[in-house]
């Protein structure tokens, strides 16, 4: 059974869980080699996305709808009818969020009928490391805007490692690189010793 303590121990060891929908949602543990990371000092924002962020198309919040973000990430999508985010994983990460160690960034569009969820992301924060878990877009560019605000928050809080686990062509556009597992473990050990502050951007009056 997944528990907050088990999740924390796994992340500290460089591993993360995924459920296998073809095996009754049995949870397995993964530690890819190479490992994908997004260097915070080399984060690249494409010009079109930068314009979207400046235009304020989405209202960005943090930790206001954590479980809803996780469930949105788990929902079937075109080309992906099954997911590694099982009910057990939803419950475990929601519990970790209640312990203050898992966080979400949400994007909203506000209209006459109220706020509508447009997309977001979630992950785990330990020391100066943030482990990105999943992203979702209900509207174009919403998850990308959430990523921009995530990086701003991590930079403001003194984080030194953003782990994206595996690389994709989509993530590579933002500067994600792959590093050998031994190098990842070295960076992880350094990051875990850092006292970062997830809420520093709030104190500075930043959005998100």
Protein backbone atom coordinates (compact mmCIF):
# COMPACT_ATOMS: atom_id res chain seq x y z
CA UNK A 1 0.00 0.00 0.00
CA UNK A 2 1.30 3.43 -0.93
CA UNK A 3 1.71 5.79 2.00
CA UNK A 4 3.25 9.27 2.33
CA UNK A 5 6.23 7.82 4.19
CA UNK A 6 6.84 5.23 1.47
CA UNK A 7 6.60 7.87 -1.26
CA UNK A 8 9.07 10.15 0.51
CA UNK A 9 11.54 7.30 0.99
CA UNK A 10 11.26 6.32 -2.67
CA UNK A 11 11.82 9.84 -3.97
CA UNK A 12 14.82 10.27 -1.70
CA UNK A 13 16.24 7.09 -3.23
CA UNK A 14 15.56 8.31 -6.77
CA UNK A 15 12.54 6.14 -7.55
CA UNK A 16 8.89 6.85 -8.30
CA UNK A 17 5.74 4.71 -8.63
CA UNK A 18 3.54 3.99 -11.62
CA UNK A 19 0.52 1.71 -11.80
CA UNK A 20 0.17 -0.81 -14.62
CA UNK A 21 -3.42 -0.84 -15.94
CA UNK A 22 -2.68 -4.11 -17.76
CA UNK A 23 -1.82 -5.79 -14.47
CA UNK A 24 -4.72 -4.79 -12.29
CA UNK A 25 -3.15 -1.39 -11.49
CA UNK A 26 -0.27 -3.08 -9.70
CA UNK A 27 2.21 -0.40 -8.62
CA UNK A 28 5.79 -0.71 -9.80
CA UNK A 29 8.83 1.38 -8.95
CA UNK A 30 10.96 3.08 -11.58
CA UNK A 31 14.37 4.75 -11.68
CA UNK A 32 15.22 5.50 -15.34
CA UNK A 33 18.77 5.65 -16.61
CA UNK A 34 19.27 8.16 -18.09
CA UNK A 35 17.07 10.49 -16.04
CA UNK A 36 15.49 13.66 -17.43
CA UNK A 37 15.87 16.99 -15.62
CA UNK A 38 15.07 20.58 -16.48
CA UNK A 39 17.95 22.86 -15.45
CA UNK A 40 16.25 25.84 -13.83
CA UNK A 41 18.91 28.26 -15.08
CA UNK A 42 18.47 27.03 -18.67
CA UNK A 43 14.67 27.00 -18.85
CA UNK A 44 13.59 28.12 -22.32
CA UNK A 45 10.20 29.74 -22.94
CA UNK A 46 9.22 29.84 -26.65
CA UNK A 47 8.25 33.32 -27.86
CA UNK A 48 4.64 32.43 -28.57
CA UNK A 49 4.22 30.97 -25.09
CA UNK A 50 5.88 34.01 -23.52
CA UNK A 51 3.27 36.19 -25.22
CA UNK A 52 0.49 33.97 -23.85
CA UNK A 53 1.89 34.30 -20.33
CA UNK A 54 2.22 38.10 -20.61
CA UNK A 55 -1.32 38.38 -21.96
CA UNK A 56 -2.68 36.82 -18.77
CA UNK A 57 -4.95 34.47 -20.66
CA UNK A 58 -5.15 32.18 -17.63
CA UNK A 59 -5.52 32.89 -13.94
CA UNK A 60 -2.85 30.84 -12.19
CA UNK A 61 -3.20 29.41 -8.68
CA UNK A 62 -1.28 26.99 -6.51
CA UNK A 63 -2.56 24.17 -4.30
CA UNK A 64 -6.20 25.18 -4.66
CA UNK A 65 -7.41 22.01 -6.39
CA UNK A 66 -4.72 19.37 -5.94
CA UNK A 67 -6.82 16.22 -6.15
CA UNK A 68 -8.79 17.63 -9.10
CA UNK A 69 -5.53 18.21 -10.98
CA UNK A 70 -4.34 14.65 -10.32
CA UNK A 71 -7.68 13.22 -11.44
CA UNK A 72 -7.61 15.39 -14.56
CA UNK A 73 -4.14 14.03 -15.35
CA UNK A 74 -5.52 10.50 -14.91
CA UNK A 75 -8.56 11.00 -17.15
CA UNK A 76 -8.55 9.25 -20.55
CA UNK A 77 -7.46 11.39 -23.49
CA UNK A 78 -7.26 10.87 -27.26
CA UNK A 79 -4.48 8.38 -27.93
CA UNK A 80 -4.22 7.48 -24.23
CA UNK A 81 -7.18 5.46 -23.05
CA UNK A 82 -5.41 4.04 -19.98
CA UNK A 83 -3.26 5.68 -17.35
CA UNK A 84 -0.59 4.88 -14.79
CA UNK A 85 -2.39 7.12 -12.27
CA UNK A 86 -4.59 4.63 -10.42
CA UNK A 87 -7.03 5.36 -7.61
CA UNK A 88 -4.36 4.19 -5.14
CA UNK A 89 -1.90 6.71 -6.56
CA UNK A 90 -4.49 9.50 -6.44
CA UNK A 91 -5.15 8.74 -2.78
CA UNK A 92 -1.46 8.47 -1.87
CA UNK A 93 -0.45 11.75 -3.49
CA UNK A 94 -3.48 13.53 -2.08
CA UNK A 95 -2.36 12.37 1.37
CA UNK A 96 1.16 13.59 0.61
CA UNK A 97 -0.33 16.94 -0.39
CA UNK A 98 -2.11 17.09 2.96
CA UNK A 99 1.33 16.63 4.55
CA UNK A 100 2.54 19.70 2.63
CA UNK A 101 4.93 17.77 0.38
CA UNK A 102 2.97 17.50 -2.89
CA UNK A 103 1.84 20.57 -4.81
CA UNK A 104 -0.19 21.59 -7.81
CA UNK A 105 -0.27 24.57 -10.16
CA UNK A 106 -3.65 25.28 -11.75
CA UNK A 107 -4.70 27.44 -14.70
CA UNK A 108 -8.25 28.81 -14.91
CA UNK A 109 -10.37 30.78 -17.32
CA UNK A 110 -12.91 33.04 -15.67
CA UNK A 111 -16.25 33.66 -17.35
CA UNK A 112 -19.84 34.61 -16.59
CA UNK A 113 -20.52 31.07 -15.37
CA UNK A 114 -17.53 31.10 -13.03
CA UNK A 115 -14.03 29.65 -13.11
CA UNK A 116 -13.29 26.78 -15.48
CA UNK A 117 -10.28 24.51 -15.02
CA UNK A 118 -8.01 24.87 -18.06
CA UNK A 119 -5.05 22.72 -17.06
CA UNK A 120 -2.18 22.32 -14.66
CA UNK A 121 0.42 20.05 -13.17
CA UNK A 122 1.44 18.40 -9.91
CA UNK A 123 4.52 17.00 -8.26
CA UNK A 124 6.46 16.43 -5.06
CA UNK A 125 8.77 18.87 -3.26
CA UNK A 126 11.53 17.60 -0.95
CA UNK A 127 14.33 19.88 0.16
CA UNK A 128 15.48 21.77 -2.91
CA UNK A 129 14.14 19.17 -5.36
CA UNK A 130 10.83 19.18 -7.19
CA UNK A 131 9.72 15.96 -8.87
CA UNK A 132 7.25 16.69 -11.65
CA UNK A 133 4.64 13.96 -11.96
CA UNK A 134 2.12 14.86 -14.65
CA UNK A 135 0.63 17.72 -16.66
CA UNK A 136 -2.75 18.20 -18.31
CA UNK A 137 -4.37 20.70 -20.65
CA UNK A 138 -8.07 21.17 -21.12
CA UNK A 139 -7.36 24.33 -23.13
CA UNK A 140 -4.46 25.06 -25.44
CA UNK A 141 -1.18 26.00 -23.70
CA UNK A 142 -2.62 25.73 -20.18
CA UNK A 143 -0.14 23.10 -18.97
CA UNK A 144 2.72 25.04 -20.59
CA UNK A 145 1.71 28.20 -18.72
CA UNK A 146 1.55 26.15 -15.51
CA UNK A 147 5.11 24.97 -16.18
CA UNK A 148 6.31 28.56 -16.62
CA UNK A 149 4.80 29.49 -13.27
CA UNK A 150 6.21 26.35 -11.66
CA UNK A 151 9.73 27.32 -12.72
CA UNK A 152 9.21 30.87 -11.41
CA UNK A 153 8.09 29.45 -8.08
CA UNK A 154 11.01 27.05 -7.85
CA UNK A 155 13.52 29.77 -8.69
CA UNK A 156 12.00 32.14 -6.14
CA UNK A 157 12.07 29.44 -3.49
CA UNK A 158 15.68 28.42 -3.96
CA UNK A 159 15.05 25.02 -5.53
CA UNK A 160 17.98 23.55 -7.43
CA UNK A 161 16.57 20.44 -9.13
CA UNK A 162 13.50 19.96 -11.33
CA UNK A 163 13.15 16.26 -12.13
CA UNK A 164 10.91 15.45 -15.11
CA UNK A 165 11.71 11.71 -14.92
CA UNK A 166 11.68 11.06 -18.67
CA UNK A 167 12.18 13.32 -21.67
CA UNK A 168 9.72 13.93 -24.50
CA UNK A 169 9.98 16.13 -27.60
CA UNK A 170 7.50 18.46 -25.89
CA UNK A 171 9.66 18.83 -22.78
CA UNK A 172 12.88 19.10 -24.78
CA UNK A 173 11.62 22.40 -26.19
CA UNK A 174 11.87 23.86 -22.69
CA UNK A 175 15.44 22.73 -22.12
CA UNK A 176 14.97 19.28 -20.58
CA UNK A 177 18.12 17.16 -20.82
CA UNK A 178 18.97 13.57 -19.96
CA UNK A 179 21.77 12.74 -17.54
CA UNK A 180 23.24 9.42 -16.35
CA UNK A 181 21.65 7.96 -13.24
CA UNK A 182 24.88 8.39 -11.25
CA UNK A 183 24.92 12.10 -12.05
CA UNK A 184 21.23 12.36 -11.18
CA UNK A 185 21.83 10.74 -7.80
CA UNK A 186 24.64 13.20 -7.11
CA UNK A 187 22.40 16.15 -7.97
CA UNK A 188 19.56 14.65 -5.94
CA UNK A 189 21.72 14.28 -2.83
CA UNK A 190 22.80 17.92 -3.17
CA UNK A 191 19.21 19.11 -3.68
CA UNK A 192 17.81 17.18 -0.72
CA UNK A 193 20.21 19.05 1.58
CA UNK A 194 18.86 22.44 0.41
CA UNK A 195 16.23 24.25 2.47
CA UNK A 196 13.96 25.58 -0.28
CA UNK A 197 10.66 27.40 0.24
CA UNK A 198 7.69 26.55 -1.95
CA UNK A 199 5.81 29.61 -0.65
CA UNK A 200 8.55 32.21 -1.25
CA UNK A 201 6.84 33.55 -4.38
CA UNK A 202 3.68 34.21 -2.37
CA UNK A 203 5.61 36.29 0.13
CA UNK A 204 7.09 38.26 -2.77
CA UNK A 205 3.63 38.99 -4.15
CA UNK A 206 4.00 36.76 -7.20
CA UNK A 207 1.16 35.05 -9.01
CA UNK A 208 0.58 31.32 -8.95
